Amino acid sequence: MQDPKKLKKRSEFQNAYQNGNKYWNRYFVIYVLNTDFKVLRLGITVSKKAGKSVQRNRIKRLIRESFRQLRPKIKIGYDVVVVGRTSASRLTCQEAHNALAHLFQRAAILDHRNQNH
């Protein structure tokens, strides 16, 4: 079993897009869908508009790493789809982390009781 559960099927992404709540900033758009599962699942998309594969893969790595750091603080029972925007390719790891943390805060999925992790 892999640790970060991933959204893989197109239908899972579509479900998050259509039924989830949307939050965004200059760098990312997130869709947060409350599920009945006892897991936190992440889906990442970066469109071709964001640049060539090198830029797109860098954005995905930034998202995955930020999510890994934030994971202990995120409440379980959600599907989270993160869409990387073009501007995200110029972020440092810390900036990406802060931008995503801010969105998760707005989405109210950060659990503040686990803050000292």
N, C-alpha and C. Protein backbone atom coordinates (compact mmCIF):
# COMPACT_ATOMS: atom_id res chain seq x y z
N MET A 1 0.85 -1.20 0.00
CA MET A 1 0.00 0.00 0.00
C MET A 1 0.88 1.24 0.00
N GLN A 2 0.64 2.13 -0.95
CA GLN A 2 1.43 3.35 -0.97
C GLN A 2 0.85 4.36 0.02
N ASP A 3 1.70 5.20 0.58
CA ASP A 3 1.25 6.09 1.64
C ASP A 3 0.30 7.17 1.15
N PRO A 4 0.73 8.10 0.27
CA PRO A 4 -0.26 9.09 -0.14
C PRO A 4 -1.18 8.44 -1.15
N LYS A 5 -2.45 8.33 -0.78
CA LYS A 5 -3.42 7.76 -1.69
C LYS A 5 -3.60 8.73 -2.85
N LYS A 6 -3.65 8.19 -4.05
CA LYS A 6 -3.75 9.05 -5.22
C LYS A 6 -5.09 8.89 -5.91
N LEU A 7 -5.57 9.99 -6.44
CA LEU A 7 -6.72 9.92 -7.35
C LEU A 7 -6.14 9.54 -8.71
N LYS A 8 -6.70 8.52 -9.32
CA LYS A 8 -6.15 8.08 -10.59
C LYS A 8 -7.17 8.12 -11.72
N LYS A 9 -8.39 7.76 -11.39
CA LYS A 9 -9.40 7.66 -12.44
C LYS A 9 -9.95 9.03 -12.82
N ARG A 10 -10.25 9.16 -14.09
CA ARG A 10 -10.82 10.41 -14.58
C ARG A 10 -12.11 10.75 -13.83
N SER A 11 -12.90 9.73 -13.54
CA SER A 11 -14.18 9.96 -12.86
C SER A 11 -13.98 10.53 -11.46
N GLU A 12 -12.88 10.13 -10.80
CA GLU A 12 -12.60 10.66 -9.45
C GLU A 12 -12.26 12.15 -9.53
N PHE A 13 -11.48 12.51 -10.56
CA PHE A 13 -11.16 13.93 -10.76
C PHE A 13 -12.43 14.71 -11.09
N GLN A 14 -13.24 14.17 -12.02
CA GLN A 14 -14.48 14.85 -12.43
C GLN A 14 -15.39 15.08 -11.23
N ASN A 15 -15.48 14.07 -10.37
CA ASN A 15 -16.32 14.17 -9.19
C ASN A 15 -15.85 15.31 -8.28
N ALA A 16 -14.54 15.43 -8.11
CA ALA A 16 -13.99 16.52 -7.28
C ALA A 16 -14.26 17.87 -7.93
N TYR A 17 -14.08 17.95 -9.26
CA TYR A 17 -14.33 19.22 -9.96
C TYR A 17 -15.78 19.64 -9.82
N GLN A 18 -16.69 18.69 -10.00
CA GLN A 18 -18.11 19.05 -10.04
C GLN A 18 -18.74 19.23 -8.67
N ASN A 19 -18.31 18.42 -7.70
CA ASN A 19 -18.97 18.44 -6.40
C ASN A 19 -18.14 19.04 -5.28
N GLY A 20 -16.86 19.28 -5.56
CA GLY A 20 -15.99 19.81 -4.50
C GLY A 20 -16.05 21.32 -4.42
N ASN A 21 -15.49 21.85 -3.34
CA ASN A 21 -15.37 23.30 -3.20
C ASN A 21 -14.06 23.74 -3.83
N LYS A 22 -14.10 24.90 -4.47
CA LYS A 22 -12.94 25.38 -5.22
C LYS A 22 -12.31 26.57 -4.50
N TYR A 23 -10.99 26.53 -4.37
CA TYR A 23 -10.23 27.63 -3.78
C TYR A 23 -9.04 27.87 -4.68
N TRP A 24 -8.62 29.11 -4.80
CA TRP A 24 -7.50 29.38 -5.70
C TRP A 24 -6.69 30.58 -5.24
N ASN A 25 -5.47 30.61 -5.75
CA ASN A 25 -4.61 31.79 -5.63
C ASN A 25 -3.83 31.89 -6.93
N ARG A 26 -2.78 32.70 -6.95
CA ARG A 26 -2.05 32.92 -8.21
C ARG A 26 -1.38 31.66 -8.73
N TYR A 27 -1.07 30.73 -7.84
CA TYR A 27 -0.25 29.58 -8.24
C TYR A 27 -1.00 28.27 -8.37
N PHE A 28 -2.04 28.10 -7.57
CA PHE A 28 -2.75 26.82 -7.55
C PHE A 28 -4.26 27.02 -7.48
N VAL A 29 -4.96 26.02 -7.97
CA VAL A 29 -6.41 25.92 -7.75
C VAL A 29 -6.60 24.59 -7.05
N ILE A 30 -7.36 24.56 -5.96
CA ILE A 30 -7.63 23.28 -5.33
C ILE A 30 -9.13 23.03 -5.29
N TYR A 31 -9.46 21.77 -5.46
CA TYR A 31 -10.84 21.30 -5.32
C TYR A 31 -10.84 20.35 -4.13
N VAL A 32 -11.71 20.62 -3.18
CA VAL A 32 -11.76 19.81 -1.97
C VAL A 32 -13.14 19.17 -1.86
N LEU A 33 -13.15 17.85 -1.84
CA LEU A 33 -14.40 17.11 -1.77
C LEU A 33 -14.40 16.26 -0.51
N ASN A 34 -15.42 16.43 0.32
CA ASN A 34 -15.55 15.63 1.53
C ASN A 34 -16.03 14.24 1.13
N THR A 35 -15.31 13.21 1.58
CA THR A 35 -15.70 11.84 1.26
C THR A 35 -16.00 11.09 2.54
N ASP A 36 -16.54 9.91 2.40
CA ASP A 36 -16.82 9.09 3.58
C ASP A 36 -15.66 8.16 3.90
N PHE A 37 -14.60 8.25 3.10
CA PHE A 37 -13.45 7.37 3.31
C PHE A 37 -12.61 7.88 4.48
N LYS A 38 -11.86 6.97 5.08
CA LYS A 38 -10.98 7.34 6.18
C LYS A 38 -9.56 7.58 5.65
N VAL A 39 -9.47 8.13 4.45
CA VAL A 39 -8.17 8.42 3.86
C VAL A 39 -8.21 9.82 3.26
N LEU A 40 -7.03 10.34 3.05
CA LEU A 40 -6.86 11.61 2.37
C LEU A 40 -6.27 11.28 1.01
N ARG A 41 -6.94 11.68 -0.06
CA ARG A 41 -6.43 11.35 -1.39
C ARG A 41 -6.08 12.63 -2.13
N LEU A 42 -4.98 12.55 -2.88
CA LEU A 42 -4.48 13.70 -3.62
C LEU A 42 -4.50 13.41 -5.11
N GLY A 43 -4.95 14.37 -5.87
CA GLY A 43 -4.85 14.31 -7.33
C GLY A 43 -4.13 15.57 -7.78
N ILE A 44 -3.25 15.42 -8.77
CA ILE A 44 -2.49 16.57 -9.26
C ILE A 44 -2.70 16.69 -10.76
N THR A 45 -3.02 17.88 -11.22
CA THR A 45 -3.07 18.10 -12.67
C THR A 45 -2.32 19.39 -12.99
N VAL A 46 -1.60 19.35 -14.08
CA VAL A 46 -0.92 20.54 -14.59
C VAL A 46 -1.13 20.51 -16.09
N SER A 47 -1.76 21.54 -16.63
CA SER A 47 -2.09 21.51 -18.05
C SER A 47 -0.88 21.84 -18.91
N LYS A 48 -0.99 21.52 -20.17
CA LYS A 48 0.11 21.79 -21.10
C LYS A 48 0.37 23.29 -21.23
N LYS A 49 -0.62 24.10 -20.87
CA LYS A 49 -0.45 25.55 -20.92
C LYS A 49 0.63 26.01 -19.95
N ALA A 50 0.90 25.17 -18.93
CA ALA A 50 1.87 25.54 -17.91
C ALA A 50 3.30 25.45 -18.42
N GLY A 51 3.48 24.91 -19.61
CA GLY A 51 4.83 24.85 -20.17
C GLY A 51 5.18 23.45 -20.63
N LYS A 52 6.43 23.28 -20.97
CA LYS A 52 6.89 21.98 -21.43
C LYS A 52 6.98 21.01 -20.26
N SER A 53 7.28 19.76 -20.55
CA SER A 53 7.22 18.72 -19.52
C SER A 53 8.14 19.02 -18.33
N VAL A 54 9.26 19.68 -18.57
CA VAL A 54 10.17 19.99 -17.48
C VAL A 54 9.48 20.90 -16.45
N GLN A 55 8.82 21.95 -16.95
CA GLN A 55 8.11 22.87 -16.04
C GLN A 55 6.94 22.16 -15.36
N ARG A 56 6.19 21.39 -16.14
CA ARG A 56 5.03 20.70 -15.57
C ARG A 56 5.45 19.73 -14.48
N ASN A 57 6.51 18.98 -14.74
CA ASN A 57 6.97 18.01 -13.74
C ASN A 57 7.51 18.69 -12.49
N ARG A 58 8.14 19.85 -12.68
CA ARG A 58 8.64 20.60 -11.52
C ARG A 58 7.47 21.06 -10.65
N ILE A 59 6.40 21.55 -11.30
CA ILE A 59 5.22 21.98 -10.55
C ILE A 59 4.64 20.79 -9.77
N LYS A 60 4.57 19.63 -10.43
CA LYS A 60 4.04 18.44 -9.75
C LYS A 60 4.91 18.04 -8.57
N ARG A 61 6.22 18.13 -8.73
CA ARG A 61 7.12 17.80 -7.62
C ARG A 61 6.93 18.76 -6.45
N LEU A 62 6.78 20.06 -6.77
CA LEU A 62 6.55 21.06 -5.72
C LEU A 62 5.25 20.75 -4.96
N ILE A 63 4.21 20.40 -5.72
CA ILE A 63 2.92 20.10 -5.09
C ILE A 63 3.05 18.86 -4.19
N ARG A 64 3.67 17.80 -4.74
CA ARG A 64 3.81 16.56 -3.96
C ARG A 64 4.61 16.79 -2.68
N GLU A 65 5.70 17.53 -2.78
CA GLU A 65 6.55 17.77 -1.61
C GLU A 65 5.83 18.63 -0.58
N SER A 66 5.14 19.67 -1.03
CA SER A 66 4.39 20.52 -0.09
C SER A 66 3.30 19.72 0.60
N PHE A 67 2.63 18.88 -0.18
CA PHE A 67 1.56 18.05 0.37
C PHE A 67 2.13 17.08 1.42
N ARG A 68 3.30 16.52 1.10
CA ARG A 68 3.94 15.58 2.04
C ARG A 68 4.24 16.27 3.37
N GLN A 69 4.71 17.52 3.30
CA GLN A 69 5.02 18.25 4.53
C GLN A 69 3.75 18.64 5.30
N LEU A 70 2.70 18.96 4.56
CA LEU A 70 1.47 19.41 5.21
C LEU A 70 0.59 18.25 5.67
N ARG A 71 0.84 17.08 5.13
CA ARG A 71 -0.03 15.93 5.35
C ARG A 71 -0.40 15.66 6.81
N PRO A 72 0.55 15.72 7.77
CA PRO A 72 0.16 15.44 9.15
C PRO A 72 -0.89 16.42 9.69
N LYS A 73 -0.97 17.60 9.10
CA LYS A 73 -1.90 18.62 9.59
C LYS A 73 -3.24 18.59 8.87
N ILE A 74 -3.33 17.83 7.77
CA ILE A 74 -4.57 17.85 6.97
C ILE A 74 -5.54 16.80 7.50
N LYS A 75 -6.79 17.19 7.64
CA LYS A 75 -7.81 16.26 8.12
C LYS A 75 -8.03 15.17 7.08
N ILE A 76 -8.35 13.97 7.55
CA ILE A 76 -8.61 12.88 6.61
C ILE A 76 -10.08 12.91 6.19
N GLY A 77 -10.40 12.14 5.15
CA GLY A 77 -11.78 12.09 4.67
C GLY A 77 -12.04 13.08 3.55
N TYR A 78 -10.98 13.45 2.84
CA TYR A 78 -11.13 14.39 1.74
C TYR A 78 -10.42 13.90 0.49
N ASP A 79 -10.98 14.25 -0.65
CA ASP A 79 -10.26 14.16 -1.91
C ASP A 79 -9.82 15.57 -2.24
N VAL A 80 -8.54 15.75 -2.49
CA VAL A 80 -8.00 17.06 -2.82
C VAL A 80 -7.36 16.99 -4.20
N VAL A 81 -7.85 17.82 -5.12
CA VAL A 81 -7.23 17.91 -6.44
C VAL A 81 -6.52 19.25 -6.51
N VAL A 82 -5.23 19.23 -6.78
CA VAL A 82 -4.45 20.45 -6.90
C VAL A 82 -4.13 20.66 -8.37
N VAL A 83 -4.51 21.82 -8.88
CA VAL A 83 -4.19 22.16 -10.27
C VAL A 83 -3.08 23.20 -10.22
N GLY A 84 -1.94 22.86 -10.83
CA GLY A 84 -0.82 23.79 -10.85
C GLY A 84 -0.98 24.78 -11.99
N ARG A 85 -0.77 26.05 -11.70
CA ARG A 85 -0.84 27.07 -12.74
C ARG A 85 0.56 27.38 -13.26
N THR A 86 0.62 28.05 -14.40
CA THR A 86 1.89 28.38 -15.03
C THR A 86 2.83 29.10 -14.09
N SER A 87 2.31 30.04 -13.33
CA SER A 87 3.15 30.86 -12.45
C SER A 87 3.83 30.03 -11.36
N ALA A 88 3.32 28.83 -11.07
CA ALA A 88 3.88 28.00 -10.00
C ALA A 88 5.26 27.47 -10.34
N SER A 89 5.62 27.44 -11.62
CA SER A 89 6.92 26.86 -11.99
C SER A 89 8.09 27.72 -11.50
N ARG A 90 7.82 28.97 -11.14
CA ARG A 90 8.89 29.85 -10.65
C ARG A 90 8.99 29.89 -9.13
N LEU A 91 8.17 29.10 -8.46
CA LEU A 91 8.17 29.12 -7.00
C LEU A 91 9.34 28.34 -6.42
N THR A 92 9.77 28.77 -5.23
CA THR A 92 10.70 27.93 -4.47
C THR A 92 9.85 26.92 -3.72
N CYS A 93 10.51 25.94 -3.15
CA CYS A 93 9.78 24.91 -2.40
C CYS A 93 9.00 25.53 -1.24
N GLN A 94 9.63 26.48 -0.55
CA GLN A 94 8.98 27.12 0.60
C GLN A 94 7.78 27.95 0.16
N GLU A 95 7.90 28.66 -0.96
CA GLU A 95 6.78 29.47 -1.45
C GLU A 95 5.60 28.59 -1.85
N ALA A 96 5.90 27.47 -2.49
CA ALA A 96 4.84 26.53 -2.88
C ALA A 96 4.15 25.99 -1.64
N HIS A 97 4.94 25.65 -0.64
CA HIS A 97 4.40 25.14 0.62
C HIS A 97 3.47 26.16 1.25
N ASN A 98 3.91 27.42 1.31
CA ASN A 98 3.10 28.47 1.91
C ASN A 98 1.81 28.72 1.13
N ALA A 99 1.92 28.71 -0.21
CA ALA A 99 0.74 28.96 -1.05
C ALA A 99 -0.29 27.85 -0.86
N LEU A 100 0.17 26.60 -0.81
CA LEU A 100 -0.77 25.49 -0.62
C LEU A 100 -1.33 25.48 0.79
N ALA A 101 -0.48 25.77 1.78
CA ALA A 101 -0.95 25.80 3.17
C ALA A 101 -2.05 26.84 3.32
N HIS A 102 -1.88 27.98 2.66
CA HIS A 102 -2.87 29.05 2.72
C HIS A 102 -4.20 28.59 2.13
N LEU A 103 -4.14 27.88 1.00
CA LEU A 103 -5.37 27.38 0.38
C LEU A 103 -6.04 26.32 1.25
N PHE A 104 -5.25 25.43 1.83
CA PHE A 104 -5.83 24.40 2.69
C PHE A 104 -6.47 25.03 3.92
N GLN A 105 -5.86 26.12 4.39
CA GLN A 105 -6.43 26.86 5.52
C GLN A 105 -7.79 27.44 5.14
N ARG A 106 -7.84 28.06 3.95
CA ARG A 106 -9.11 28.64 3.48
C ARG A 106 -10.16 27.56 3.29
N ALA A 107 -9.72 26.38 2.88
CA ALA A 107 -10.65 25.28 2.67
C ALA A 107 -11.06 24.62 3.98
N ALA A 108 -10.44 25.06 5.07
CA ALA A 108 -10.73 24.55 6.42
C ALA A 108 -10.47 23.05 6.54
N ILE A 109 -9.40 22.57 5.91
CA ILE A 109 -9.06 21.16 6.05
C ILE A 109 -7.78 20.95 6.84
N LEU A 110 -7.22 22.05 7.36
CA LEU A 110 -6.04 21.92 8.22
C LEU A 110 -6.51 21.70 9.65
N ASP A 111 -5.93 20.71 10.28
CA ASP A 111 -6.29 20.38 11.65
C ASP A 111 -5.28 21.05 12.57
N HIS A 112 -5.73 22.04 13.32
CA HIS A 112 -4.78 22.82 14.11
C HIS A 112 -4.32 22.12 15.38
N ARG A 113 -5.01 21.06 15.76
CA ARG A 113 -4.58 20.34 16.96
C ARG A 113 -3.27 19.61 16.71
N ASN A 114 -2.99 19.27 15.44
CA ASN A 114 -1.76 18.56 15.11
C ASN A 114 -0.64 19.51 14.70
N GLN A 115 -0.72 20.75 15.10
CA GLN A 115 0.20 21.79 14.63
C GLN A 115 1.65 21.51 15.02
N ASN A 116 1.87 20.83 16.15
CA ASN A 116 3.24 20.64 16.61
C ASN A 116 3.94 19.44 15.98
N HIS A 117 3.48 18.95 14.87
CA HIS A 117 4.15 17.85 14.15
C HIS A 117 5.32 18.38 13.38
